[in-house]
Amino acid sequence: MTPTDRPALPVGAPADPSAEPPPPHADPLLSVRNLTMTFPGRRGRSAPVRAVDGVSFDVAAGETLGLVGESGCGKSTTGRMIVRLLEPTGGSVSYDGRDISHLGQRELRPLRREIQMVFQDPHSSLNPRQTVARIISDPLLVQGSSAVDARRRAAELMELVGLIPEHIDRYPHEFSGGQAQRIGIARSLATNPRLVVADEPVSALDVSVQAQIVNLMERLQRELGLAYLFIAHDLSVVKRVCDRVAVMYLGRIVEIGPKERVYTAPAHPYTQALLSAVPLPDPVAERSRERITLLGDPPSPATPPPGCTFHPRCAKAQAICRSEAPALRVAAPAETRQVACHFPEAA
């Protein structure tokens, strides 16, 4: 069966995380364990940078997991390791029960059909010298489809994402930012994947266009049974599209759980600060609520603080926070949410 004629995949039910971390599904589609990425220093002039430091989570079939945090916390690096644009320096990435962390390019090729990526800047991720037909059909050509079949599939995908198929021979600069992102989404769907890593897919777009792209991604998920790892810093968008949310700080996940629990009763001080900065639609509520201001600036990942990496900015920090890193564990009995904090907020 070729990539173009694979049947649509069934939508799986959203899953719940539990222990360290127990899978949200008996057989998760994606399983990440203790994932680490360390970039070497520059010829001894700078220290190595541990961009991702022991990240673990699962994504079930048909589920959307949001990965949120400040710029530089390691979100995009995590996504690039999952699609193997970067090779992890530690830990494992398993897809459909198979460890793909260190597969060679030849072994990875069949899996490229299953896992695709949508990038942040639509125009930077599209080759300006290629037509839309070539951009969308390239993944199919690499997987062995004929040029005729690949072009026909590209036209179908343009229509699927809301573009005019007759514009298939135009170049990326002839499209707006929102249209260019639709092209990027169409390219990611060319091989009928099961998992899409969306790296800040709407952050470079106008607000009105963001809503259109979010609606498109939700529709495609329903119709095609996609699972998303949705990387973003806009918590309003994450709340709209995600089933569960994982909050990252300085390369580590500090809280993960169903979005309803994370948004209504955040347990980690960092999650509380992030949510306090999200604008509210009600002007009265916006003026009356308390904003949480973090202390100081984010530490450098090249020289992270000892113990809990958040303790220099945390108003609740105590002696144990400065010496011992908290483990990611279930926040409370009967909770499915996990939090990495010595003094989590009571639900």
C-alpha atoms as a PDB file:
ATOM      1  CA  MET A   1       0.000   0.000   0.000  1.00  0.00           C
ATOM      2  CA  THR A   2       1.410   3.373  -0.988  1.00  0.00           C
ATOM      3  CA  PRO A   3       1.370   6.492   1.205  1.00  0.00           C
ATOM      4  CA  THR A   4      -1.334   8.003  -0.963  1.00  0.00           C
ATOM      5  CA  ASP A   5      -3.882   5.220  -0.574  1.00  0.00           C
ATOM      6  CA  ARG A   6      -3.566   4.368   3.102  1.00  0.00           C
ATOM      7  CA  PRO A   7      -6.963   4.527   4.837  1.00  0.00           C
ATOM      8  CA  ALA A   8      -7.751   7.299   7.254  1.00  0.00           C
ATOM      9  CA  LEU A   9      -6.814   6.464  10.818  1.00  0.00           C
ATOM     10  CA  PRO A  10      -9.413   6.218  13.605  1.00  0.00           C
ATOM     11  CA  VAL A  11      -9.538   8.936  16.194  1.00  0.00           C
ATOM     12  CA  GLY A  12      -8.407   7.670  19.604  1.00  0.00           C
ATOM     13  CA  ALA A  13      -9.886   8.856  22.879  1.00  0.00           C
ATOM     14  CA  PRO A  14      -7.968  11.444  24.903  1.00  0.00           C
ATOM     15  CA  ALA A  15      -5.928   9.777  27.616  1.00  0.00           C
ATOM     16  CA  ASP A  16      -4.925  10.579  31.167  1.00  0.00           C
ATOM     17  CA  PRO A  17      -1.360  10.625  32.499  1.00  0.00           C
ATOM     18  CA  SER A  18      -0.533   9.047  35.811  1.00  0.00           C
ATOM     19  CA  ALA A  19       2.632   7.896  37.524  1.00  0.00           C
ATOM     20  CA  GLU A  20       6.244   8.330  36.435  1.00  0.00           C
ATOM     21  CA  PRO A  21       4.736   8.812  33.946  1.00  0.00           C
ATOM     22  CA  PRO A  22       2.295   5.932  33.504  1.00  0.00           C
ATOM     23  CA  PRO A  23       1.187   5.928  29.891  1.00  0.00           C
ATOM     24  CA  PRO A  24      -1.999   7.882  29.080  1.00  0.00           C
ATOM     25  CA  HIS A  25      -3.023   4.903  26.999  1.00  0.00           C
ATOM     26  CA  ALA A  26      -2.225   1.211  27.287  1.00  0.00           C
ATOM     27  CA  ASP A  27      -0.229   1.497  24.072  1.00  0.00           C
ATOM     28  CA  PRO A  28       0.661   5.156  23.495  1.00  0.00           C
ATOM     29  CA  LEU A  29       1.460   6.183  19.961  1.00  0.00           C
ATOM     30  CA  LEU A  30       4.446   8.256  21.133  1.00  0.00           C
ATOM     31  CA  SER A  31       6.408   7.567  24.308  1.00  0.00           C
ATOM     32  CA  VAL A  32       9.242   9.892  25.398  1.00  0.00           C
ATOM     33  CA  ARG A  33      11.414   8.873  28.349  1.00  0.00           C
ATOM     34  CA  ASN A  34      14.133  10.932  30.059  1.00  0.00           C
ATOM     35  CA  LEU A  35      14.891  12.752  26.807  1.00  0.00           C
ATOM     36  CA  THR A  36      18.037  14.858  26.953  1.00  0.00           C
ATOM     37  CA  MET A  37      19.784  17.191  24.525  1.00  0.00           C
ATOM     38  CA  THR A  38      23.145  18.769  25.341  1.00  0.00           C
ATOM     39  CA  PHE A  39      24.774  21.124  22.872  1.00  0.00           C
ATOM     40  CA  PRO A  40      28.575  21.336  23.181  1.00  0.00           C
ATOM     41  CA  GLY A  41      30.280  24.601  24.078  1.00  0.00           C
ATOM     42  CA  ARG A  42      32.261  26.584  21.537  1.00  0.00           C
ATOM     43  CA  ARG A  43      35.804  25.201  21.613  1.00  0.00           C
ATOM     44  CA  GLY A  44      36.156  25.517  25.332  1.00  0.00           C
ATOM     45  CA  ARG A  45      35.052  29.157  25.436  1.00  0.00           C
ATOM     46  CA  SER A  46      31.569  28.392  26.714  1.00  0.00           C
ATOM     47  CA  ALA A  47      29.978  25.639  28.790  1.00  0.00           C
ATOM     48  CA  PRO A  48      27.805  22.932  27.236  1.00  0.00           C
ATOM     49  CA  VAL A  49      24.110  23.817  27.116  1.00  0.00           C
ATOM     50  CA  ARG A  50      21.626  21.233  28.364  1.00  0.00           C
ATOM     51  CA  ALA A  51      18.643  22.404  26.357  1.00  0.00           C
ATOM     52  CA  VAL A  52      16.420  19.449  27.320  1.00  0.00           C
ATOM     53  CA  ASP A  53      16.949  17.745  30.668  1.00  0.00           C
ATOM     54  CA  GLY A  54      15.107  14.459  31.252  1.00  0.00           C
ATOM     55  CA  VAL A  55      11.722  15.079  29.612  1.00  0.00           C
ATOM     56  CA  SER A  56       9.109  12.284  29.726  1.00  0.00           C
ATOM     57  CA  PHE A  57       5.558  12.164  28.354  1.00  0.00           C
ATOM     58  CA  ASP A  58       3.192  10.098  26.192  1.00  0.00           C
ATOM     59  CA  VAL A  59       0.839  10.977  23.360  1.00  0.00           C
ATOM     60  CA  ALA A  60      -2.055   8.666  22.544  1.00  0.00           C
ATOM     61  CA  ALA A  61      -3.528   8.150  19.087  1.00  0.00           C
ATOM     62  CA  GLY A  62      -5.895  10.994  18.230  1.00  0.00           C
ATOM     63  CA  GLU A  63      -4.787  13.080  21.226  1.00  0.00           C
ATOM     64  CA  THR A  64      -3.352  16.612  21.337  1.00  0.00           C
ATOM     65  CA  LEU A  65      -0.676  17.317  23.930  1.00  0.00           C
ATOM     66  CA  GLY A  66       0.310  20.956  24.350  1.00  0.00           C
ATOM     67  CA  LEU A  67       3.933  21.732  25.225  1.00  0.00           C
ATOM     68  CA  VAL A  68       4.210  25.268  26.626  1.00  0.00           C
ATOM     69  CA  GLY A  69       6.786  27.504  28.267  1.00  0.00           C
ATOM     70  CA  GLU A  70       8.945  30.585  27.801  1.00  0.00           C
ATOM     71  CA  SER A  71      11.184  31.041  24.765  1.00  0.00           C
ATOM     72  CA  GLY A  72      14.381  29.043  25.197  1.00  0.00           C
ATOM     73  CA  CYS A  73      12.914  26.443  27.570  1.00  0.00           C
ATOM     74  CA  GLY A  74      13.565  23.555  25.128  1.00  0.00           C
ATOM     75  CA  LYS A  75      10.132  23.078  23.539  1.00  0.00           C
ATOM     76  CA  SER A  76      11.267  23.244  19.913  1.00  0.00           C
ATOM     77  CA  THR A  77      14.377  21.173  20.605  1.00  0.00           C
ATOM     78  CA  THR A  78      12.136  18.464  22.061  1.00  0.00           C
ATOM     79  CA  GLY A  79       9.956  18.511  18.942  1.00  0.00           C
ATOM     80  CA  ARG A  80      12.964  18.301  16.632  1.00  0.00           C
ATOM     81  CA  MET A  81      14.304  15.278  18.498  1.00  0.00           C
ATOM     82  CA  ILE A  82      10.957  13.510  18.179  1.00  0.00           C
ATOM     83  CA  VAL A  83      10.980  13.882  14.380  1.00  0.00           C
ATOM     84  CA  ARG A  84      14.716  13.110  14.429  1.00  0.00           C
ATOM     85  CA  LEU A  85      15.933  16.394  12.979  1.00  0.00           C
ATOM     86  CA  LEU A  86      18.178  16.238  16.055  1.00  0.00           C
ATOM     87  CA  GLU A  87      19.580  13.082  17.618  1.00  0.00           C
ATOM     88  CA  PRO A  88      19.068  12.921  21.391  1.00  0.00           C
ATOM     89  CA  THR A  89      22.117  12.772  23.620  1.00  0.00           C
ATOM     90  CA  GLY A  90      20.166  10.735  26.162  1.00  0.00           C
ATOM     91  CA  GLY A  91      16.844   9.055  26.817  1.00  0.00           C
ATOM     92  CA  SER A  92      14.522   7.475  24.279  1.00  0.00           C
ATOM     93  CA  VAL A  93      11.753   8.251  21.812  1.00  0.00           C
ATOM     94  CA  SER A  94       9.454   5.334  21.006  1.00  0.00           C
ATOM     95  CA  TYR A  95       6.885   5.451  18.241  1.00  0.00           C
ATOM     96  CA  ASP A  96       4.179   2.778  18.151  1.00  0.00           C
ATOM     97  CA  GLY A  97       6.252   0.638  20.518  1.00  0.00           C
ATOM     98  CA  ARG A  98       9.545   0.949  18.619  1.00  0.00           C
ATOM     99  CA  ASP A  99      12.556   2.913  19.857  1.00  0.00           C
ATOM    100  CA  ILE A 100      13.487   5.365  17.081  1.00  0.00           C
ATOM    101  CA  SER A 101      15.965   7.469  19.071  1.00  0.00           C
ATOM    102  CA  HIS A 102      19.088   6.375  17.230  1.00  0.00           C
ATOM    103  CA  LEU A 103      17.902   4.803  13.993  1.00  0.00           C
ATOM    104  CA  GLY A 104      19.957   5.469  10.874  1.00  0.00           C
ATOM    105  CA  GLN A 105      18.542   7.373   7.919  1.00  0.00           C
ATOM    106  CA  ARG A 106      17.725   4.212   5.987  1.00  0.00           C
ATOM    107  CA  GLU A 107      15.762   2.752   8.900  1.00  0.00           C
ATOM    108  CA  LEU A 108      14.045   6.081   9.508  1.00  0.00           C
ATOM    109  CA  ARG A 109      12.754   6.508   5.974  1.00  0.00           C
ATOM    110  CA  PRO A 110       9.618   4.326   6.355  1.00  0.00           C
ATOM    111  CA  LEU A 111       8.831   6.067   9.644  1.00  0.00           C
ATOM    112  CA  ARG A 112       9.004   9.510   8.039  1.00  0.00           C
ATOM    113  CA  ARG A 113       5.582   8.730   6.569  1.00  0.00           C
ATOM    114  CA  GLU A 114       4.162   8.328  10.072  1.00  0.00           C
ATOM    115  CA  ILE A 115       5.656  11.385  11.824  1.00  0.00           C
ATOM    116  CA  GLN A 116       5.645  14.827  10.216  1.00  0.00           C
ATOM    117  CA  MET A 117       6.266  18.406  11.351  1.00  0.00           C
ATOM    118  CA  VAL A 118       4.726  21.840  10.807  1.00  0.00           C
ATOM    119  CA  PHE A 119       7.181  24.686  11.368  1.00  0.00           C
ATOM    120  CA  GLN A 120       6.735  28.099  12.968  1.00  0.00           C
ATOM    121  CA  ASP A 121       7.575  30.453  10.091  1.00  0.00           C
ATOM    122  CA  PRO A 122       5.681  29.298   7.001  1.00  0.00           C
ATOM    123  CA  HIS A 123       7.724  31.243   4.452  1.00  0.00           C
ATOM    124  CA  SER A 124      11.102  30.263   5.928  1.00  0.00           C
ATOM    125  CA  SER A 125      10.129  26.587   5.868  1.00  0.00           C
ATOM    126  CA  LEU A 126       9.104  26.596   2.182  1.00  0.00           C
ATOM    127  CA  ASN A 127      11.693  26.554  -0.609  1.00  0.00           C
ATOM    128  CA  PRO A 128      11.172  29.821  -2.529  1.00  0.00           C
ATOM    129  CA  ARG A 129      12.575  28.268  -5.720  1.00  0.00           C
ATOM    130  CA  GLN A 130      10.066  25.429  -5.829  1.00  0.00           C
ATOM    131  CA  THR A 131       6.429  25.488  -6.859  1.00  0.00           C
ATOM    132  CA  VAL A 132       3.727  24.479  -4.414  1.00  0.00           C
ATOM    133  CA  ALA A 133       3.258  21.286  -6.409  1.00  0.00           C
ATOM    134  CA  ARG A 134       6.876  20.295  -5.796  1.00  0.00           C
ATOM    135  CA  ILE A 135       6.876  21.376  -2.143  1.00  0.00           C
ATOM    136  CA  ILE A 136       3.833  19.276  -1.255  1.00  0.00           C
ATOM    137  CA  SER A 137       4.725  16.279  -3.413  1.00  0.00           C
ATOM    138  CA  ASP A 138       8.392  15.994  -2.365  1.00  0.00           C
ATOM    139  CA  PRO A 139       7.649  13.692   0.619  1.00  0.00           C
ATOM    140  CA  LEU A 140       5.704  11.390  -1.683  1.00  0.00           C
ATOM    141  CA  LEU A 141       8.474  11.308  -4.287  1.00  0.00           C
ATOM    142  CA  VAL A 142      10.984  10.409  -1.582  1.00  0.00           C
ATOM    143  CA  GLN A 143       8.699   7.559  -0.490  1.00  0.00           C
ATOM    144  CA  GLY A 144       8.549   6.170  -4.031  1.00  0.00           C
ATOM    145  CA  SER A 145       5.345   7.594  -5.517  1.00  0.00           C
ATOM    146  CA  SER A 146       5.266   8.452  -9.216  1.00  0.00           C
ATOM    147  CA  ALA A 147       5.365  12.097 -10.292  1.00  0.00           C
ATOM    148  CA  VAL A 148       1.810  11.858 -11.665  1.00  0.00           C
ATOM    149  CA  ASP A 149       0.393  10.353  -8.449  1.00  0.00           C
ATOM    150  CA  ALA A 150       2.314  12.828  -6.297  1.00  0.00           C
ATOM    151  CA  ARG A 151       0.989  15.822  -8.239  1.00  0.00           C
ATOM    152  CA  ARG A 152      -2.577  14.544  -8.047  1.00  0.00           C
ATOM    153  CA  ARG A 153      -2.219  14.024  -4.311  1.00  0.00           C
ATOM    154  CA  ALA A 154      -0.768  17.548  -3.934  1.00  0.00           C
ATOM    155  CA  ALA A 155      -3.831  19.031  -5.630  1.00  0.00           C
ATOM    156  CA  GLU A 156      -6.127  17.014  -3.338  1.00  0.00           C
ATOM    157  CA  LEU A 157      -4.249  18.243  -0.287  1.00  0.00           C
ATOM    158  CA  MET A 158      -4.474  21.864  -1.404  1.00  0.00           C
ATOM    159  CA  GLU A 159      -8.227  21.534  -1.559  1.00  0.00           C
ATOM    160  CA  LEU A 160      -8.267  19.731   1.810  1.00  0.00           C
ATOM    161  CA  VAL A 161      -6.497  22.627   3.569  1.00  0.00           C
ATOM    162  CA  GLY A 162      -8.644  25.309   1.915  1.00  0.00           C
ATOM    163  CA  LEU A 163      -6.448  26.405  -0.996  1.00  0.00           C
ATOM    164  CA  ILE A 164      -7.340  26.606  -4.683  1.00  0.00           C
ATOM    165  CA  PRO A 165      -5.886  23.564  -6.490  1.00  0.00           C
ATOM    166  CA  GLU A 166      -5.420  25.626  -9.665  1.00  0.00           C
ATOM    167  CA  HIS A 167      -2.726  27.609  -7.813  1.00  0.00           C
ATOM    168  CA  ILE A 168      -0.541  24.519  -7.552  1.00  0.00           C
ATOM    169  CA  ASP A 169       2.128  25.896  -9.899  1.00  0.00           C
ATOM    170  CA  ARG A 170       2.590  29.163  -8.022  1.00  0.00           C
ATOM    171  CA  TYR A 171       5.564  29.928  -5.772  1.00  0.00           C
ATOM    172  CA  PRO A 172       5.476  30.540  -1.983  1.00  0.00           C
ATOM    173  CA  HIS A 173       5.960  34.326  -2.269  1.00  0.00           C
ATOM    174  CA  GLU A 174       2.650  34.545  -4.132  1.00  0.00           C
ATOM    175  CA  PHE A 175       0.748  33.470  -0.995  1.00  0.00           C
ATOM    176  CA  SER A 176      -0.045  35.256   2.262  1.00  0.00           C
ATOM    177  CA  GLY A 177       1.344  34.044   5.586  1.00  0.00           C
ATOM    178  CA  GLY A 178      -1.806  32.114   6.442  1.00  0.00           C
ATOM    179  CA  GLN A 179      -1.938  30.525   2.991  1.00  0.00           C
ATOM    180  CA  ALA A 180       1.745  29.609   3.227  1.00  0.00           C
ATOM    181  CA  GLN A 181       1.102  27.867   6.542  1.00  0.00           C
ATOM    182  CA  ARG A 182      -1.723  25.930   4.890  1.00  0.00           C
ATOM    183  CA  ILE A 183       0.842  24.787   2.317  1.00  0.00           C
ATOM    184  CA  GLY A 184       3.118  23.659   5.144  1.00  0.00           C
ATOM    185  CA  ILE A 185       0.251  21.734   6.719  1.00  0.00           C
ATOM    186  CA  ALA A 186      -0.601  20.143   3.357  1.00  0.00           C
ATOM    187  CA  ARG A 187       3.026  19.050   2.967  1.00  0.00           C
ATOM    188  CA  SER A 188       2.969  17.477   6.426  1.00  0.00           C
ATOM    189  CA  LEU A 189      -0.154  15.487   5.474  1.00  0.00           C
ATOM    190  CA  ALA A 190       1.163  14.242   2.144  1.00  0.00           C
ATOM    191  CA  THR A 191       2.174  10.810   3.449  1.00  0.00           C
ATOM    192  CA  ASN A 192      -0.944  10.413   5.633  1.00  0.00           C
ATOM    193  CA  PRO A 193       0.895  10.545   8.978  1.00  0.00           C
ATOM    194  CA  ARG A 194      -0.476   9.531  12.362  1.00  0.00           C
ATOM    195  CA  LEU A 195       1.511  12.053  14.408  1.00  0.00           C
ATOM    196  CA  VAL A 196       2.194  15.719  13.587  1.00  0.00           C
ATOM    197  CA  VAL A 197       4.605  17.829  15.640  1.00  0.00           C
ATOM    198  CA  ALA A 198       3.354  21.417  15.276  1.00  0.00           C
ATOM    199  CA  ASP A 199       6.106  23.831  16.358  1.00  0.00           C
ATOM    200  CA  GLU A 200       4.364  27.135  17.164  1.00  0.00           C
ATOM    201  CA  PRO A 201       2.272  26.827  13.966  1.00  0.00           C
ATOM    202  CA  VAL A 202       0.295  30.063  14.504  1.00  0.00           C
ATOM    203  CA  SER A 203       2.685  32.352  16.387  1.00  0.00           C
ATOM    204  CA  ALA A 204       3.912  34.103  13.215  1.00  0.00           C
ATOM    205  CA  LEU A 205       0.374  34.858  11.991  1.00  0.00           C
ATOM    206  CA  ASP A 206      -2.160  37.614  12.623  1.00  0.00           C
ATOM    207  CA  VAL A 207      -4.758  36.869  15.293  1.00  0.00           C
ATOM    208  CA  SER A 208      -7.631  36.457  12.827  1.00  0.00           C
ATOM    209  CA  VAL A 209      -5.541  34.114  10.689  1.00  0.00           C
ATOM    210  CA  GLN A 210      -4.486  32.174  13.779  1.00  0.00           C
ATOM    211  CA  ALA A 211      -8.113  31.271  14.430  1.00  0.00           C
ATOM    212  CA  GLN A 212      -8.505  29.998  10.869  1.00  0.00           C
ATOM    213  CA  ILE A 213      -5.423  27.783  11.109  1.00  0.00           C
ATOM    214  CA  VAL A 214      -6.492  26.441  14.512  1.00  0.00           C
ATOM    215  CA  ASN A 215      -9.940  25.593  13.109  1.00  0.00           C
ATOM    216  CA  LEU A 216      -8.283  23.874  10.151  1.00  0.00           C
ATOM    217  CA  MET A 217      -6.037  21.766  12.381  1.00  0.00           C
ATOM    218  CA  GLU A 218      -8.971  20.737  14.560  1.00  0.00           C
ATOM    219  CA  ARG A 219     -10.995  19.707  11.496  1.00  0.00           C
ATOM    220  CA  LEU A 220      -8.093  17.718  10.067  1.00  0.00           C
ATOM    221  CA  GLN A 221      -7.655  15.934  13.372  1.00  0.00           C
ATOM    222  CA  ARG A 222     -11.318  14.902  13.407  1.00  0.00           C
ATOM    223  CA  GLU A 223     -11.296  13.775   9.792  1.00  0.00           C
ATOM    224  CA  LEU A 224      -7.906  12.048   9.688  1.00  0.00           C
ATOM    225  CA  GLY A 225      -7.477  10.832  13.266  1.00  0.00           C
ATOM    226  CA  LEU A 226      -4.243  12.760  13.781  1.00  0.00           C
ATOM    227  CA  ALA A 227      -2.315  13.021  17.024  1.00  0.00           C
ATOM    228  CA  TYR A 228      -0.650  16.389  17.657  1.00  0.00           C
ATOM    229  CA  LEU A 229       2.248  17.503  19.779  1.00  0.00           C
ATOM    230  CA  PHE A 230       1.299  21.186  19.800  1.00  0.00           C
ATOM    231  CA  ILE A 231       4.244  23.386  20.819  1.00  0.00           C
ATOM    232  CA  ALA A 232       3.296  26.951  21.730  1.00  0.00           C
ATOM    233  CA  HIS A 233       3.758  29.821  24.132  1.00  0.00           C
ATOM    234  CA  ASP A 234       0.231  31.198  23.680  1.00  0.00           C
ATOM    235  CA  LEU A 235      -1.750  29.577  26.478  1.00  0.00           C
ATOM    236  CA  SER A 236      -5.074  30.730  25.041  1.00  0.00           C
ATOM    237  CA  VAL A 237      -4.464  28.759  21.848  1.00  0.00           C
ATOM    238  CA  VAL A 238      -3.262  25.724  23.802  1.00  0.00           C
ATOM    239  CA  LYS A 239      -6.409  25.764  25.933  1.00  0.00           C
ATOM    240  CA  ARG A 240      -8.499  25.754  22.770  1.00  0.00           C
ATOM    241  CA  VAL A 241      -6.848  22.866  20.937  1.00  0.00           C
ATOM    242  CA  CYS A 242      -5.224  20.542  23.493  1.00  0.00           C
ATOM    243  CA  ASP A 243      -6.485  17.626  25.574  1.00  0.00           C
ATOM    244  CA  ARG A 244      -3.533  17.708  27.973  1.00  0.00           C
ATOM    245  CA  VAL A 245      -0.861  20.294  28.731  1.00  0.00           C
ATOM    246  CA  ALA A 246       2.812  19.898  29.662  1.00  0.00           C
ATOM    247  CA  VAL A 247       4.558  22.990  31.070  1.00  0.00           C
ATOM    248  CA  MET A 248       8.332  23.258  30.514  1.00  0.00           C
ATOM    249  CA  TYR A 249      10.841  25.373  32.387  1.00  0.00           C
ATOM    250  CA  LEU A 250      14.564  25.382  31.625  1.00  0.00           C
ATOM    251  CA  GLY A 251      14.525  22.031  29.845  1.00  0.00           C
ATOM    252  CA  ARG A 252      12.289  20.170  32.306  1.00  0.00           C
ATOM    253  CA  ILE A 253       8.563  19.457  32.551  1.00  0.00           C
ATOM    254  CA  VAL A 254       7.282  21.001  35.781  1.00  0.00           C
ATOM    255  CA  GLU A 255       3.576  20.167  35.390  1.00  0.00           C
ATOM    256  CA  ILE A 256       1.567  17.908  33.100  1.00  0.00           C
ATOM    257  CA  GLY A 257      -2.055  16.884  33.125  1.00  0.00           C
ATOM    258  CA  PRO A 258      -5.541  17.372  31.647  1.00  0.00           C
ATOM    259  CA  LYS A 259      -5.999  20.949  30.542  1.00  0.00           C
ATOM    260  CA  GLU A 260      -9.042  21.469  32.774  1.00  0.00           C
ATOM    261  CA  ARG A 261      -6.976  20.730  35.888  1.00  0.00           C
ATOM    262  CA  VAL A 262      -3.913  22.651  34.776  1.00  0.00           C
ATOM    263  CA  TYR A 263      -5.907  25.755  33.814  1.00  0.00           C
ATOM    264  CA  THR A 264      -8.370  25.829  36.693  1.00  0.00           C
ATOM    265  CA  ALA A 265      -6.067  24.720  39.543  1.00  0.00           C
ATOM    266  CA  PRO A 266      -2.391  25.054  38.538  1.00  0.00           C
ATOM    267  CA  ALA A 267      -0.160  23.361  41.121  1.00  0.00           C
ATOM    268  CA  HIS A 268       3.310  24.611  40.148  1.00  0.00           C
ATOM    269  CA  PRO A 269       4.254  28.256  40.885  1.00  0.00           C
ATOM    270  CA  TYR A 270       5.584  28.660  37.346  1.00  0.00           C
ATOM    271  CA  THR A 271       2.301  27.454  35.820  1.00  0.00           C
ATOM    272  CA  GLN A 272       0.430  29.872  38.079  1.00  0.00           C
ATOM    273  CA  ALA A 273       2.609  32.769  36.885  1.00  0.00           C
ATOM    274  CA  LEU A 274       2.122  31.858  33.223  1.00  0.00           C
ATOM    275  CA  LEU A 275      -1.650  31.639  33.558  1.00  0.00           C
ATOM    276  CA  SER A 276      -1.841  34.909  35.487  1.00  0.00           C
ATOM    277  CA  ALA A 277      -0.395  36.664  32.421  1.00  0.00           C
ATOM    278  CA  VAL A 278      -3.072  35.377  30.022  1.00  0.00           C
ATOM    279  CA  PRO A 279      -5.492  38.225  29.173  1.00  0.00           C
ATOM    280  CA  LEU A 280      -9.107  37.713  30.226  1.00  0.00           C
ATOM    281  CA  PRO A 281     -12.005  38.681  27.904  1.00  0.00           C
ATOM    282  CA  ASP A 282     -13.888  40.296  30.809  1.00  0.00           C
ATOM    283  CA  PRO A 283     -12.369  43.773  31.491  1.00  0.00           C
ATOM    284  CA  VAL A 284     -13.657  43.817  35.072  1.00  0.00           C
ATOM    285  CA  ALA A 285     -12.134  40.428  35.870  1.00  0.00           C
ATOM    286  CA  GLU A 286      -8.910  41.465  34.124  1.00  0.00           C
ATOM    287  CA  ARG A 287      -8.540  44.572  36.289  1.00  0.00           C
ATOM    288  CA  SER A 288      -9.387  42.817  39.556  1.00  0.00           C
ATOM    289  CA  ARG A 289      -7.282  39.700  39.318  1.00  0.00           C
ATOM    290  CA  GLU A 290      -3.822  39.348  40.808  1.00  0.00           C
ATOM    291  CA  ARG A 291      -0.816  39.133  38.513  1.00  0.00           C
ATOM    292  CA  ILE A 292       2.106  36.976  39.633  1.00  0.00           C
ATOM    293  CA  THR A 293       5.430  38.640  38.878  1.00  0.00           C
ATOM    294  CA  LEU A 294       8.404  36.297  38.725  1.00  0.00           C
ATOM    295  CA  LEU A 295      11.614  37.299  40.439  1.00  0.00           C
ATOM    296  CA  GLY A 296      14.638  38.119  38.275  1.00  0.00           C
ATOM    297  CA  ASP A 297      15.415  36.771  34.811  1.00  0.00           C
ATOM    298  CA  PRO A 298      15.387  33.165  33.561  1.00  0.00           C
ATOM    299  CA  PRO A 299      18.708  31.445  34.352  1.00  0.00           C
ATOM    300  CA  SER A 300      21.008  30.380  31.535  1.00  0.00           C
ATOM    301  CA  PRO A 301      20.662  26.702  30.502  1.00  0.00           C
ATOM    302  CA  ALA A 302      24.481  26.666  30.340  1.00  0.00           C
ATOM    303  CA  THR A 303      24.661  27.337  34.089  1.00  0.00           C
ATOM    304  CA  PRO A 304      21.362  26.163  35.618  1.00  0.00           C
ATOM    305  CA  PRO A 305      20.877  26.701  39.349  1.00  0.00           C
ATOM    306  CA  PRO A 306      21.216  23.673  41.664  1.00  0.00           C
ATOM    307  CA  GLY A 307      18.195  21.877  43.060  1.00  0.00           C
ATOM    308  CA  CYS A 308      14.916  23.089  41.614  1.00  0.00           C
ATOM    309  CA  THR A 309      15.874  25.220  38.620  1.00  0.00           C
ATOM    310  CA  PHE A 310      12.906  27.503  39.311  1.00  0.00           C
ATOM    311  CA  HIS A 311      13.843  28.327  42.907  1.00  0.00           C
ATOM    312  CA  PRO A 312      15.683  31.651  42.171  1.00  0.00           C
ATOM    313  CA  ARG A 313      12.403  33.075  40.797  1.00  0.00           C
ATOM    314  CA  CYS A 314       9.963  31.368  43.166  1.00  0.00           C
ATOM    315  CA  ALA A 315       8.411  33.179  46.112  1.00  0.00           C
ATOM    316  CA  LYS A 316       7.744  29.845  47.858  1.00  0.00           C
ATOM    317  CA  ALA A 317      11.326  28.546  47.659  1.00  0.00           C
ATOM    318  CA  GLN A 318      12.856  27.041  50.808  1.00  0.00           C
ATOM    319  CA  ALA A 319      16.170  25.370  51.660  1.00  0.00           C
ATOM    320  CA  ILE A 320      15.240  22.031  50.123  1.00  0.00           C
ATOM    321  CA  CYS A 321      14.437  23.764  46.810  1.00  0.00           C
ATOM    322  CA  ARG A 322      18.009  25.070  46.590  1.00  0.00           C
ATOM    323  CA  SER A 323      19.588  21.671  47.115  1.00  0.00           C
ATOM    324  CA  GLU A 324      17.251  18.972  45.805  1.00  0.00           C
ATOM    325  CA  ALA A 325      15.524  18.789  42.414  1.00  0.00           C
ATOM    326  CA  PRO A 326      11.871  17.747  42.827  1.00  0.00           C
ATOM    327  CA  ALA A 327      10.684  14.667  40.946  1.00  0.00           C
ATOM    328  CA  LEU A 328       7.681  14.776  38.624  1.00  0.00           C
ATOM    329  CA  ARG A 329       5.012  12.972  40.623  1.00  0.00           C
ATOM    330  CA  VAL A 330       1.231  12.768  41.026  1.00  0.00           C
ATOM    331  CA  ALA A 331       0.032  16.008  42.603  1.00  0.00           C
ATOM    332  CA  ALA A 332      -2.491  14.411  44.991  1.00  0.00           C
ATOM    333  CA  PRO A 333      -4.459  11.197  45.530  1.00  0.00           C
ATOM    334  CA  ALA A 334      -7.051  10.589  42.812  1.00  0.00           C
ATOM    335  CA  GLU A 335      -5.245  13.147  40.600  1.00  0.00           C
ATOM    336  CA  THR A 336      -3.976  12.318  37.140  1.00  0.00           C
ATOM    337  CA  ARG A 337      -1.900  15.490  36.991  1.00  0.00           C
ATOM    338  CA  GLN A 338       1.818  15.433  37.806  1.00  0.00           C
ATOM    339  CA  VAL A 339       3.892  18.269  39.211  1.00  0.00           C
ATOM    340  CA  ALA A 340       7.592  18.727  39.943  1.00  0.00           C
ATOM    341  CA  CYS A 341       7.496  20.885  43.075  1.00  0.00           C
ATOM    342  CA  HIS A 342       8.369  20.362  46.755  1.00  0.00           C
ATOM    343  CA  PHE A 343       5.467  22.605  47.771  1.00  0.00           C
ATOM    344  CA  PRO A 344       2.733  22.295  45.118  1.00  0.00           C
ATOM    345  CA  GLU A 345      -0.461  24.273  45.451  1.00  0.00           C
ATOM    346  CA  ALA A 346      -3.242  22.232  47.015  1.00  0.00           C
ATOM    347  CA  ALA A 347      -6.055  21.478  44.578  1.00  0.00           C
END
